[in-house]
Amino acid sequence: MANPLVVFSFTSYAEEKSPPITFKFGVDSTPTEPPENPNKEVGSYFLVDWLSFPTTENAVHFDWTSIDIFLSNELAYKSINITEASVAVSWLLNNYEQTVAITNWSIGEGLLNSIEVPFKNKMLRVHKEQDLSWLNNLDIEHNTLLIPWKTGPINESSWQFDWRVNPELKQKDFVIYYGQTDKEYICYWRNHPFKGYVKLDFNAPYQARTGSIKMRFNAPDKVCYWGLPGGLVRGDDDIPTIDRKIPIEPQIRKTYIMQPTINCVRLSDDVKILISSINYSVSRSQFSASCSLKFCSRIDFERALGQELKISVNGYDFYVICEQPSTANRFANSSYSASCRGRFALLSAPYARATNYANPTAKTLAGIMSDILVNTGWSLDNKMIDYPIPTGAFTYTDLTPAAALLSVAKSVGAMLDIDNANKTVSVIPAWPVMPWDTENAICDVILNDSIILEHNTSQTINQAHNAVFVRGEQQGVACKIKRAGTLGDQFAGDVVDSLITDNQAARQRGSYELANSGNKQQSTIRTKLLNDLPPIRPGMLVGVTYGSSTYKATCDNMDISASISDSGAITVSQTIKVISNV
């Protein structure tokens, strides 16, 4: 049987009325009511996990200059109870009956924020003999980092860090020289500047304008002076004393056992030459030493003439040139002797010709002295303060290299200290320690009663000065040099020299002139020549303790004498003349 097709057509809105028509389907003639549908609950459950990572850690490592800086930033965010949100909705079909919402929110111990910044100095110091690895040339700048941190809509805090950035890291090996420090120009800012910042404040709306904004910054006041480097304390205006030395001080003994020796050889072929006596002398005013020899025989006399000789007295070597011979004949007795000069005399007449000189270009004091010694085989060791000399400011006429070098040295108050063995000429101050400042200076040599064989003193009266005018010539300077701590009102005679082209030249020459003035005491001391008492060179500061007198004086002259008697006994001694202020 086919399913019938029933079509319902509604032509108007429905009204609440009893249906006039009853439809029945099936064979059962008894009408039955359909059973009620049981209540059915429809549920929905969902779980939200928030911040499932309990710990977040961040570690950053910074390397800055020579210091290891370790920055650790640890952020712990932990919730003991997992954040839970539960929604339960129960409803009946076509009629909502119940709506249940359960929300559990817990953050446990709250927010934990821990920042640890350990700052540790781990500077690596490597020490080697005369070598030191160090970091230098650090360009230190100032930078400000501002980090705002909001913890809520109301609370706000900020951290400000001052940090040094942009270091230029370089490693350099350098040698530390131990000894006297040379003076130099030291400059400092009167108002010490520092790297800062410029604050721009915009407190008005922008308006179109022509031109530019100029910002002027005044240059800080810079002050320079001549002194000893190494600190903020200004150095003394006088020539610095040598205060980093150990004085030569022979040991005091009850008995001195001496074994003097005299040897003489010819430098060209080491032929031994016998001599019976020697007298070797050198002073501050000479460019070479003078010497007199007495030979044992005519053969030795002839072998030594015109030759360079090396004479050893008690182990100390002296180099001379045998120049002027002389003989003395008596009945059954003849003697042969010669006058000699130091090895530096090879740069004087008659061995070197006199020349003329004018500096064609701008040079320094050391440059001019090096030009004098060029192609001579001798080297220069300048201990004076160097300074510039303009073109054509210095000239000399008809002078040998030795005489010209001595003239230049005297122009700046210096003397020549000759090392004949190494062929080196040292130009040093004639007064390394000012005579009025010897009380605070450390001596080069200390002599006591036990080794002083003879001590004689005399005094000279001179006018004292505490100021002097030192001038150059056409391209020179004019300076007033006064003794520190005085009024500078007692003037010495003016000094004019072509090499006074700089303030330092005038200062060195003026110091020499003032040191020569005033009453002086001259002491002649004869002492021994020992293993622990070498020859006392001119310019050394000598401390003398003799009887009840103790004083310090500058060595002006040194004389060494040695002789062999007819019986073969050898006598050796050295005699010095020292000068001090009274």
Protein backbone atom coordinates (compact mmCIF):
# COMPACT_ATOMS: atom_id res chain seq x y z
CA MET A 1 0.00 0.00 0.00
CA ALA A 2 1.38 3.34 -1.01
CA ASN A 3 1.73 6.15 1.46
CA PRO A 4 -1.03 8.67 0.83
CA LEU A 5 -0.15 12.30 0.21
CA VAL A 6 -1.83 14.76 2.56
CA VAL A 7 -1.60 18.46 1.91
CA PHE A 8 -2.41 21.06 4.63
CA SER A 9 -3.27 24.55 3.58
CA PHE A 10 -3.62 27.35 6.16
CA THR A 11 -5.27 30.54 4.91
CA SER A 12 -5.48 32.47 8.16
CA TYR A 13 -3.76 32.84 11.52
CA ALA A 14 -4.40 30.10 14.00
CA GLU A 15 -6.83 30.68 16.83
CA GLU A 16 -7.20 28.80 20.10
CA LYS A 17 -10.05 26.49 19.23
CA SER A 18 -10.73 22.80 19.52
CA PRO A 19 -9.78 21.10 16.42
CA PRO A 20 -12.92 20.04 14.49
CA ILE A 21 -11.10 17.35 12.71
CA THR A 22 -9.48 14.31 14.32
CA PHE A 23 -6.94 12.35 12.51
CA LYS A 24 -6.40 8.72 13.30
CA PHE A 25 -3.83 6.41 11.84
CA GLY A 26 -3.56 2.68 12.25
CA VAL A 27 -5.94 -0.10 13.02
CA ASP A 28 -6.32 0.64 16.74
CA SER A 29 -9.52 2.44 17.23
CA THR A 30 -8.70 3.50 20.81
CA PRO A 31 -6.93 6.81 20.92
CA THR A 32 -3.82 6.94 23.12
CA GLU A 33 -1.70 9.90 24.34
CA PRO A 34 1.98 9.93 23.46
CA PRO A 35 4.36 9.40 26.42
CA GLU A 36 6.20 12.35 27.88
CA ASN A 37 9.88 12.71 27.01
CA PRO A 38 12.16 12.40 30.02
CA ASN A 39 14.25 15.44 31.04
CA LYS A 40 17.57 15.45 29.34
CA GLU A 41 20.49 17.53 30.72
CA VAL A 42 22.97 18.96 28.27
CA GLY A 43 26.32 19.79 29.98
CA SER A 44 29.51 21.53 28.82
CA TYR A 45 32.83 21.48 30.74
CA PHE A 46 36.02 23.12 29.71
CA LEU A 47 39.36 23.72 31.44
CA VAL A 48 41.66 26.67 30.86
CA ASP A 49 45.30 26.41 31.90
CA TRP A 50 47.02 29.84 32.05
CA LEU A 51 50.77 30.27 32.35
CA SER A 52 51.57 26.62 32.19
CA PHE A 53 55.30 27.40 32.39
CA PRO A 54 55.99 27.91 36.10
CA THR A 55 59.47 29.44 35.70
CA THR A 56 61.00 31.78 33.17
CA GLU A 57 64.71 32.38 33.42
CA ASN A 58 66.91 34.73 31.46
CA ALA A 59 70.69 35.07 31.89
CA VAL A 60 72.77 37.59 30.02
CA HIS A 61 76.59 37.84 30.23
CA PHE A 62 78.32 41.13 29.56
CA ASP A 63 82.05 41.55 28.94
CA TRP A 64 83.28 45.06 29.65
CA THR A 65 86.88 46.24 29.54
CA SER A 66 89.14 44.18 31.77
CA ILE A 67 86.41 43.51 34.37
CA ASP A 68 84.15 40.49 34.02
CA ILE A 69 80.63 41.69 34.73
CA PHE A 70 78.04 38.97 35.10
CA LEU A 71 74.38 39.95 35.05
CA SER A 72 71.77 37.37 35.93
CA ASN A 73 68.08 38.23 35.68
CA GLU A 74 65.77 35.58 37.07
CA LEU A 75 62.00 35.92 36.87
CA ALA A 76 59.97 33.31 38.67
CA TYR A 77 56.21 33.25 38.13
CA LYS A 78 54.56 30.41 39.85
CA SER A 79 51.02 29.42 40.65
CA ILE A 80 50.45 26.68 43.19
CA ASN A 81 46.85 26.01 42.10
CA ILE A 82 46.23 25.84 38.42
CA THR A 83 43.91 28.53 37.28
CA GLU A 84 40.56 26.87 36.79
CA ALA A 85 37.37 28.03 35.17
CA SER A 86 34.30 25.75 35.22
CA VAL A 87 30.89 26.53 33.75
CA ALA A 88 27.95 24.16 34.19
CA VAL A 89 24.61 24.84 32.52
CA SER A 90 21.65 22.58 33.03
CA TRP A 91 18.41 23.25 31.12
CA LEU A 92 15.27 21.57 30.04
CA LEU A 93 14.14 21.36 26.55
CA ASN A 94 12.52 24.59 25.49
CA ASN A 95 12.90 25.99 29.03
CA TYR A 96 16.08 27.03 30.80
CA GLU A 97 15.95 26.09 34.39
CA GLN A 98 19.45 26.40 35.84
CA THR A 99 22.67 28.16 35.03
CA VAL A 100 25.71 27.51 37.21
CA ALA A 101 29.09 29.26 36.75
CA ILE A 102 32.03 28.32 38.98
CA THR A 103 35.32 30.13 38.62
CA ASN A 104 38.29 29.31 40.81
CA TRP A 105 41.16 31.81 40.50
CA SER A 106 44.30 31.40 42.45
CA ILE A 107 47.85 32.71 41.94
CA GLY A 108 49.34 31.02 44.96
CA GLU A 109 52.31 32.86 46.33
CA GLY A 110 51.99 35.70 43.89
CA LEU A 111 54.58 37.20 41.61
CA LEU A 112 58.21 36.61 42.52
CA ASN A 113 60.78 38.76 40.82
CA SER A 114 64.45 38.28 41.68
CA ILE A 115 67.27 40.19 40.04
CA GLU A 116 70.84 39.33 40.93
CA VAL A 117 73.73 41.47 39.66
CA PRO A 118 77.08 40.26 40.98
CA PHE A 119 79.89 42.72 40.16
CA LYS A 120 83.29 41.17 40.49
CA ASN A 121 86.69 42.53 39.55
CA LYS A 122 88.65 39.89 37.70
CA MET A 123 91.56 41.89 36.32
CA LEU A 124 94.29 39.66 34.96
CA ARG A 125 97.75 40.91 35.89
CA VAL A 126 100.61 39.30 34.11
CA HIS A 127 104.09 40.11 35.41
CA LYS A 128 107.19 39.51 33.38
CA GLU A 129 110.65 40.86 33.79
CA GLN A 130 110.62 44.43 32.46
CA ASP A 131 107.40 43.72 30.57
CA LEU A 132 103.94 44.55 31.78
CA SER A 133 100.77 43.72 29.91
CA TRP A 134 98.18 46.32 30.58
CA LEU A 135 94.98 47.78 29.14
CA ASN A 136 95.27 51.33 28.00
CA ASN A 137 93.40 54.00 26.08
CA LEU A 138 90.00 53.38 27.61
CA ASP A 139 87.44 55.71 26.11
CA ILE A 140 85.09 56.03 29.06
CA GLU A 141 81.74 57.56 28.32
CA HIS A 142 78.66 58.18 30.39
CA ASN A 143 75.34 56.71 29.28
CA THR A 144 72.00 56.73 31.06
CA LEU A 145 69.53 53.91 30.59
CA LEU A 146 65.99 54.53 31.88
CA ILE A 147 63.70 51.52 32.18
CA PRO A 148 60.08 52.22 33.21
CA TRP A 149 58.31 49.28 34.81
CA LYS A 150 54.57 49.22 35.36
CA THR A 151 53.16 46.83 37.91
CA GLY A 152 49.60 48.10 37.69
CA PRO A 153 47.46 50.89 36.51
CA ILE A 154 48.54 53.08 39.46
CA ASN A 155 51.92 51.94 40.76
CA GLU A 156 54.85 52.95 38.64
CA SER A 157 58.56 52.85 39.42
CA SER A 158 61.70 53.36 37.39
CA TRP A 159 65.28 52.15 37.59
CA GLN A 160 68.16 54.26 36.35
CA PHE A 161 71.53 52.74 35.54
CA ASP A 162 74.77 54.65 34.96
CA TRP A 163 76.95 52.57 32.72
CA ARG A 164 80.29 52.94 30.95
CA VAL A 165 80.28 51.96 27.34
CA ASN A 166 82.47 51.97 24.25
CA PRO A 167 85.85 50.95 25.68
CA GLU A 168 88.67 50.63 23.22
CA LEU A 169 90.47 47.54 24.39
CA LYS A 170 94.10 47.25 23.41
CA GLN A 171 96.92 45.30 24.91
CA LYS A 172 100.40 46.73 24.77
CA ASP A 173 103.72 45.69 26.20
CA PHE A 174 105.92 48.42 27.49
CA VAL A 175 109.10 48.67 29.52
CA ILE A 176 109.29 50.45 32.85
CA TYR A 177 112.55 52.37 33.13
CA TYR A 178 113.87 52.82 36.63
CA GLY A 179 115.78 56.01 37.26
CA GLN A 180 115.53 59.77 37.24
CA THR A 181 112.35 61.19 35.75
CA ASP A 182 112.76 63.89 33.13
CA LYS A 183 110.72 67.05 33.44
CA GLU A 184 108.07 67.80 30.87
CA TYR A 185 105.16 70.12 30.21
CA ILE A 186 102.23 69.23 32.47
CA CYS A 187 98.82 70.66 31.56
CA TYR A 188 95.61 70.57 33.52
CA TRP A 189 92.17 72.19 33.37
CA ARG A 190 91.58 74.89 35.94
CA ASN A 191 87.91 73.87 36.11
CA HIS A 192 88.11 70.16 35.46
CA PRO A 193 85.63 69.37 32.67
CA PHE A 194 83.81 66.09 32.49
CA LYS A 195 81.61 64.41 29.93
CA GLY A 196 78.00 65.35 30.60
CA TYR A 197 74.83 65.95 28.67
CA VAL A 198 72.84 68.79 27.16
CA LYS A 199 69.19 69.05 28.16
CA LEU A 200 66.79 70.43 25.55
CA ASP A 201 63.40 71.60 26.87
CA PHE A 202 60.61 72.09 24.32
CA ASN A 203 57.90 74.09 26.15
CA ALA A 204 56.18 75.83 23.25
CA PRO A 205 54.60 74.75 19.97
CA TYR A 206 56.77 74.66 16.94
CA GLN A 207 56.87 77.78 14.81
CA ALA A 208 58.48 78.09 11.42
CA ARG A 209 61.56 80.25 11.65
CA THR A 210 64.49 81.09 9.43
CA GLY A 211 68.11 80.69 10.38
CA SER A 212 69.72 78.26 12.77
CA ILE A 213 70.12 77.80 16.49
CA LYS A 214 73.64 78.36 17.77
CA MET A 215 74.90 76.70 20.91
CA ARG A 216 78.11 78.11 22.44
CA PHE A 217 80.24 76.23 24.91
CA ASN A 218 83.06 78.14 26.60
CA ALA A 219 86.47 76.48 26.44
CA PRO A 220 87.77 75.56 29.91
CA ASP A 221 90.84 77.31 31.24
CA LYS A 222 93.97 75.23 30.51
CA VAL A 223 97.15 75.77 32.55
CA CYS A 224 100.57 74.34 31.66
CA TYR A 225 103.83 74.36 33.59
CA TRP A 226 107.22 72.68 33.45
CA GLY A 227 107.75 70.09 36.15
CA LEU A 228 108.02 66.46 37.13
CA PRO A 229 105.16 64.24 35.91
CA GLY A 230 103.36 61.59 37.86
CA GLY A 231 100.84 63.39 40.06
CA LEU A 232 98.77 66.43 40.83
CA VAL A 233 101.44 68.02 43.04
CA ARG A 234 103.53 70.57 41.17
CA GLY A 235 107.22 69.72 40.86
CA ASP A 236 110.02 71.90 42.16
CA ASP A 237 111.18 74.69 39.88
CA ASP A 238 114.83 73.81 40.45
CA ILE A 239 116.67 71.08 38.59
CA PRO A 240 115.51 67.84 40.23
CA THR A 241 117.89 65.96 42.43
CA ILE A 242 118.70 62.33 41.78
CA ASP A 243 116.73 60.62 44.49
CA ARG A 244 116.53 57.08 43.12
CA LYS A 245 120.09 55.95 43.58
CA ILE A 246 122.18 54.06 46.08
CA PRO A 247 125.29 56.01 47.13
CA ILE A 248 128.74 54.48 46.74
CA GLU A 249 129.90 54.04 50.33
CA PRO A 250 133.05 52.00 51.05
CA GLN A 251 132.87 49.74 54.07
CA ILE A 252 134.62 50.91 57.21
CA ARG A 253 137.39 48.48 58.13
CA LYS A 254 140.09 48.41 60.74
CA THR A 255 142.66 47.28 58.18
CA TYR A 256 142.69 47.82 54.40
CA ILE A 257 144.65 45.23 52.46
CA MET A 258 145.53 46.62 49.03
CA GLN A 259 147.19 45.04 46.02
CA PRO A 260 147.60 47.94 43.57
CA THR A 261 148.32 47.17 39.93
CA ILE A 262 149.42 49.24 36.92
CA ASN A 263 149.19 47.94 33.36
CA CYS A 264 149.57 49.69 30.01
CA VAL A 265 148.96 48.26 26.53
CA ARG A 266 148.83 49.68 23.04
CA LEU A 267 145.29 49.47 21.65
CA SER A 268 146.28 48.70 18.07
CA ASP A 269 148.04 45.38 18.81
CA ASP A 270 147.90 44.88 22.63
CA VAL A 271 151.66 45.30 22.96
CA LYS A 272 152.55 45.73 26.62
CA ILE A 273 154.28 48.98 27.54
CA LEU A 274 156.06 49.43 30.85
CA ILE A 275 155.45 52.67 32.71
CA SER A 276 156.77 53.80 36.09
CA SER A 277 154.23 56.51 36.91
CA ILE A 278 150.97 58.01 35.69
CA ASN A 279 149.02 61.12 36.53
CA TYR A 280 145.48 61.30 35.07
CA SER A 281 143.34 64.43 35.55
CA VAL A 282 139.92 65.61 34.34
CA SER A 283 137.73 68.59 35.30
CA ARG A 284 134.30 69.99 34.48
CA SER A 285 135.70 72.68 32.17
CA GLN A 286 137.60 70.27 29.87
CA PHE A 287 136.35 68.29 26.90
CA SER A 288 139.05 65.63 27.41
CA ALA A 289 141.27 64.44 30.23
CA SER A 290 144.96 65.27 30.50
CA CYS A 291 147.61 62.74 31.45
CA SER A 292 151.36 62.47 31.94
CA LEU A 293 153.29 59.20 31.67
CA LYS A 294 156.78 58.21 32.63
CA PHE A 295 158.21 55.18 30.83
CA CYS A 296 160.61 52.58 32.15
CA SER A 297 162.80 52.50 29.03
CA ARG A 298 163.43 54.16 25.72
CA ILE A 299 161.90 51.21 23.85
CA ASP A 300 158.61 51.60 25.70
CA PHE A 301 158.77 55.32 25.07
CA GLU A 302 159.15 54.83 21.30
CA ARG A 303 156.38 52.20 21.16
CA ALA A 304 153.88 54.55 22.79
CA LEU A 305 154.48 57.76 20.82
CA GLY A 306 151.46 58.75 18.70
CA GLN A 307 149.47 55.70 19.79
CA GLU A 308 146.26 55.11 21.70
CA LEU A 309 146.97 53.50 25.06
CA LYS A 310 144.80 51.70 27.57
CA ILE A 311 146.06 52.14 31.11
CA SER A 312 144.61 50.02 33.92
CA VAL A 313 145.02 51.21 37.51
CA ASN A 314 143.62 48.85 40.16
CA GLY A 315 141.32 47.40 37.50
CA TYR A 316 139.93 50.72 36.22
CA ASP A 317 140.68 51.50 32.55
CA PHE A 318 141.72 54.89 31.17
CA TYR A 319 142.18 55.60 27.44
CA VAL A 320 144.71 58.22 26.36
CA ILE A 321 146.64 59.35 23.27
CA CYS A 322 150.38 59.68 23.72
CA GLU A 323 151.18 63.04 22.11
CA GLN A 324 154.08 65.19 23.33
CA PRO A 325 157.28 63.31 24.17
CA SER A 326 160.04 64.63 26.43
CA THR A 327 163.38 63.26 27.57
CA ALA A 328 165.77 64.10 30.42
CA ASN A 329 169.40 62.93 30.35
CA ARG A 330 171.87 63.02 33.18
CA PHE A 331 175.11 61.22 33.82
CA ALA A 332 174.30 57.52 33.84
CA ASN A 333 170.61 58.29 34.02
CA SER A 334 167.97 58.99 31.36
CA SER A 335 164.21 59.40 31.76
CA TYR A 336 161.47 59.35 29.13
CA SER A 337 158.02 60.84 29.58
CA ALA A 338 155.10 62.08 27.48
CA SER A 339 152.05 64.25 27.81
CA CYS A 340 148.75 62.61 26.84
CA ARG A 341 145.12 63.53 26.42
CA GLY A 342 141.92 61.58 26.61
CA ARG A 343 140.54 59.67 23.66
CA PHE A 344 138.00 62.39 22.84
CA ALA A 345 140.94 64.61 21.83
CA LEU A 346 140.85 62.83 18.46
CA LEU A 347 138.04 65.29 17.61
CA SER A 348 140.27 68.29 18.29
CA ALA A 349 143.38 69.73 16.71
CA PRO A 350 145.64 68.46 15.25
CA TYR A 351 143.59 65.30 14.51
CA ALA A 352 140.41 67.05 13.34
CA ARG A 353 140.17 70.18 11.21
CA ALA A 354 138.30 73.27 12.27
CA THR A 355 135.04 73.86 10.37
CA ASN A 356 132.17 76.34 10.16
CA TYR A 357 128.53 75.51 10.86
CA ALA A 358 125.08 77.08 10.59
CA ASN A 359 121.85 75.12 11.11
CA PRO A 360 120.11 75.17 7.69
CA THR A 361 116.78 73.97 9.09
CA ALA A 362 114.98 74.19 12.39
CA LYS A 363 116.53 71.71 14.82
CA THR A 364 116.64 70.93 18.51
CA LEU A 365 119.58 71.20 20.89
CA ALA A 366 120.21 67.46 20.64
CA GLY A 367 119.93 67.67 16.84
CA ILE A 368 122.66 70.32 16.62
CA MET A 369 124.98 68.35 18.90
CA SER A 370 124.33 65.22 16.83
CA ASP A 371 125.29 67.15 13.67
CA ILE A 372 128.60 68.07 15.30
CA LEU A 373 129.39 64.40 16.01
CA VAL A 374 128.24 63.05 12.65
CA ASN A 375 130.77 60.73 10.94
CA THR A 376 133.12 60.85 13.94
CA GLY A 377 132.40 57.42 15.41
CA TRP A 378 131.15 58.96 18.65
CA SER A 379 127.56 58.85 19.91
CA LEU A 380 125.63 61.44 21.94
CA ASP A 381 123.80 60.93 25.22
CA ASN A 382 121.98 64.17 25.98
CA LYS A 383 120.86 64.60 29.60
CA MET A 384 119.80 68.24 29.20
CA ILE A 385 116.26 69.43 28.53
CA ASP A 386 115.83 69.56 24.77
CA TYR A 387 114.23 72.55 23.08
CA PRO A 388 113.75 73.88 19.51
CA ILE A 389 116.27 76.09 17.71
CA PRO A 390 115.00 78.09 14.66
CA THR A 391 116.68 78.05 11.29
CA GLY A 392 119.97 79.97 11.23
CA ALA A 393 119.87 80.82 14.95
CA PHE A 394 123.12 79.01 15.75
CA THR A 395 126.46 79.33 13.99
CA TYR A 396 130.11 78.84 14.82
CA THR A 397 133.33 79.55 12.94
CA ASP A 398 136.70 77.81 12.93
CA LEU A 399 136.00 75.25 15.64
CA THR A 400 136.84 71.56 15.83
CA PRO A 401 134.04 69.12 16.74
CA ALA A 402 135.31 68.76 20.32
CA ALA A 403 135.57 72.52 20.87
CA ALA A 404 132.19 73.15 19.20
CA LEU A 405 130.45 70.54 21.35
CA LEU A 406 131.95 72.01 24.52
CA SER A 407 130.83 75.49 23.42
CA VAL A 408 127.25 74.29 22.91
CA ALA A 409 127.27 72.56 26.30
CA LYS A 410 128.48 75.69 28.10
CA SER A 411 125.77 77.76 26.40
CA VAL A 412 123.11 75.86 28.35
CA GLY A 413 125.11 75.42 31.57
CA ALA A 414 126.27 71.87 30.87
CA MET A 415 129.51 69.89 30.90
CA LEU A 416 130.85 66.88 28.95
CA ASP A 417 131.13 63.49 30.61
CA ILE A 418 133.24 61.30 28.31
CA ASP A 419 133.00 57.50 28.17
CA ASN A 420 136.22 56.72 26.32
CA ALA A 421 135.68 52.96 26.34
CA ASN A 422 132.33 53.10 24.48
CA LYS A 423 133.01 56.37 22.63
CA THR A 424 129.96 58.08 24.12
CA VAL A 425 129.65 61.75 25.04
CA SER A 426 127.14 62.58 27.77
CA VAL A 427 126.00 66.19 28.07
CA ILE A 428 124.98 66.68 31.71
CA PRO A 429 124.30 69.74 33.92
CA ALA A 430 127.47 71.26 35.36
CA TRP A 431 125.54 71.50 38.64
CA PRO A 432 123.34 68.37 38.71
CA VAL A 433 122.28 69.49 42.19
CA MET A 434 122.01 73.17 42.98
CA PRO A 435 124.56 74.04 45.71
CA TRP A 436 121.83 75.52 47.93
CA ASP A 437 119.74 72.34 47.63
CA THR A 438 122.34 69.71 48.55
CA GLU A 439 120.83 69.23 52.00
CA ASN A 440 117.87 67.32 50.52
CA ALA A 441 119.82 65.44 47.85
CA ILE A 442 121.19 61.90 47.92
CA CYS A 443 124.95 61.68 47.42
CA ASP A 444 126.65 59.75 44.65
CA VAL A 445 129.66 58.93 46.84
CA ILE A 446 130.12 59.02 50.62
CA LEU A 447 133.64 59.40 52.05
CA ASN A 448 134.50 58.87 55.70
CA ASP A 449 137.56 59.35 57.88
CA SER A 450 138.87 55.83 57.43
CA ILE A 451 139.57 56.22 53.71
CA ILE A 452 140.48 59.94 53.60
CA LEU A 453 144.25 60.26 53.54
CA GLU A 454 144.38 64.04 53.34
CA HIS A 455 141.80 66.81 53.69
CA ASN A 456 142.48 70.50 52.95
CA THR A 457 139.96 73.33 52.70
CA SER A 458 139.98 76.92 51.48
CA GLN A 459 137.31 79.55 50.93
CA THR A 460 136.67 82.08 48.19
CA ILE A 461 134.51 85.17 48.61
CA ASN A 462 132.15 85.98 45.74
CA GLN A 463 129.12 88.19 45.42
CA ALA A 464 125.84 86.30 45.88
CA HIS A 465 123.06 86.64 43.29
CA ASN A 466 119.50 85.39 43.25
CA ALA A 467 118.40 86.57 39.79
CA VAL A 468 119.87 86.96 36.32
CA PHE A 469 118.64 88.10 32.90
CA VAL A 470 119.38 85.60 30.13
CA ARG A 471 118.85 86.69 26.52
CA GLY A 472 119.19 85.27 23.06
CA GLU A 473 120.06 87.12 19.89
CA GLN A 474 117.95 87.84 16.80
CA GLN A 475 115.74 84.76 17.22
CA GLY A 476 116.13 84.33 20.96
CA VAL A 477 114.10 84.98 24.07
CA ALA A 478 114.71 87.18 27.12
CA CYS A 479 113.97 85.73 30.53
CA LYS A 480 114.49 86.65 34.14
CA ILE A 481 115.70 83.63 36.07
CA LYS A 482 115.48 83.83 39.84
CA ARG A 483 116.24 81.43 42.62
CA ALA A 484 113.11 79.83 44.04
CA GLY A 485 112.09 81.13 47.44
CA THR A 486 113.94 84.46 47.09
CA LEU A 487 112.88 87.95 46.12
CA GLY A 488 114.99 87.90 42.96
CA ASP A 489 116.35 91.37 43.59
CA GLN A 490 120.13 90.75 43.51
CA PHE A 491 121.02 90.54 39.84
CA ALA A 492 124.06 88.97 38.24
CA GLY A 493 125.51 90.22 34.96
CA ASP A 494 123.32 89.71 31.91
CA VAL A 495 124.01 86.65 29.78
CA VAL A 496 123.64 86.79 25.99
CA ASP A 497 123.99 83.68 23.83
CA SER A 498 122.66 82.73 20.42
CA LEU A 499 121.38 79.37 21.71
CA ILE A 500 118.94 80.98 24.18
CA THR A 501 115.96 80.41 21.89
CA ASP A 502 113.56 78.90 24.42
CA ASN A 503 112.52 79.39 28.03
CA GLN A 504 114.10 76.07 28.97
CA ALA A 505 117.43 77.16 27.52
CA ALA A 506 117.30 80.35 29.57
CA ARG A 507 116.30 78.45 32.68
CA GLN A 508 119.20 75.98 32.43
CA ARG A 509 121.78 78.66 31.70
CA GLY A 510 120.41 80.95 34.43
CA SER A 511 120.57 78.13 36.99
CA TYR A 512 124.22 77.59 36.13
CA GLU A 513 125.05 81.29 36.57
CA LEU A 514 123.30 81.53 39.93
CA ALA A 515 124.97 78.33 41.16
CA ASN A 516 128.42 79.82 40.48
CA SER A 517 127.72 82.89 42.62
CA GLY A 518 128.16 83.25 46.36
CA ASN A 519 130.89 82.26 48.79
CA LYS A 520 132.38 78.85 48.08
CA GLN A 521 134.41 76.37 50.05
CA GLN A 522 136.94 74.33 48.08
CA SER A 523 138.08 71.09 49.65
CA THR A 524 140.95 68.98 48.34
CA ILE A 525 140.59 65.37 49.44
CA ARG A 526 143.10 62.60 48.82
CA THR A 527 141.65 59.16 49.17
CA LYS A 528 142.15 55.60 47.92
CA LEU A 529 141.14 53.75 44.78
CA LEU A 530 139.41 50.56 45.92
CA ASN A 531 137.14 47.90 44.56
CA ASP A 532 134.19 49.57 46.29
CA LEU A 533 135.45 53.12 45.64
CA PRO A 534 135.80 53.78 41.90
CA PRO A 535 137.16 57.02 40.39
CA ILE A 536 135.00 59.97 41.42
CA ARG A 537 133.97 61.75 38.23
CA PRO A 538 133.40 65.50 38.00
CA GLY A 539 129.78 66.44 38.59
CA MET A 540 129.20 63.82 41.28
CA LEU A 541 127.72 64.89 44.61
CA VAL A 542 130.13 63.79 47.35
CA GLY A 543 129.24 63.45 51.01
CA VAL A 544 132.23 64.04 53.27
CA THR A 545 132.57 63.08 56.94
CA TYR A 546 135.93 64.16 58.32
CA GLY A 547 136.54 64.89 61.96
CA SER A 548 133.70 66.98 63.28
CA SER A 549 132.57 68.28 59.85
CA THR A 550 129.94 66.70 57.64
CA TYR A 551 128.93 68.32 54.36
CA LYS A 552 127.98 67.68 50.74
CA ALA A 553 129.86 69.13 47.79
CA THR A 554 130.07 68.82 44.00
CA CYS A 555 133.18 67.30 42.48
CA ASP A 556 134.96 69.79 40.22
CA ASN A 557 138.21 67.98 39.46
CA MET A 558 139.55 64.45 39.77
CA ASP A 559 143.22 63.42 39.69
CA ILE A 560 144.52 59.84 39.84
CA SER A 561 148.20 59.23 40.44
CA ALA A 562 150.10 55.95 40.54
CA SER A 563 153.81 55.28 40.71
CA ILE A 564 156.28 52.42 41.07
CA SER A 565 159.28 52.98 43.33
CA ASP A 566 162.77 51.66 42.68
CA SER A 567 162.03 48.79 45.05
CA GLY A 568 158.88 47.85 43.12
CA ALA A 569 156.32 49.21 45.58
CA ILE A 570 153.20 50.60 43.89
CA THR A 571 151.37 53.58 45.31
CA VAL A 572 147.90 54.54 44.05
CA SER A 573 145.65 57.35 45.20
CA GLN A 574 143.02 59.70 43.86
CA THR A 575 142.64 63.37 44.71
CA ILE A 576 139.43 65.29 44.18
CA LYS A 577 138.49 68.93 44.52
CA VAL A 578 134.93 69.53 45.67
CA ILE A 579 133.00 72.82 45.85
CA SER A 580 130.16 73.70 48.20
CA ASN A 581 128.34 76.82 49.35
CA VAL A 582 129.34 78.43 52.61
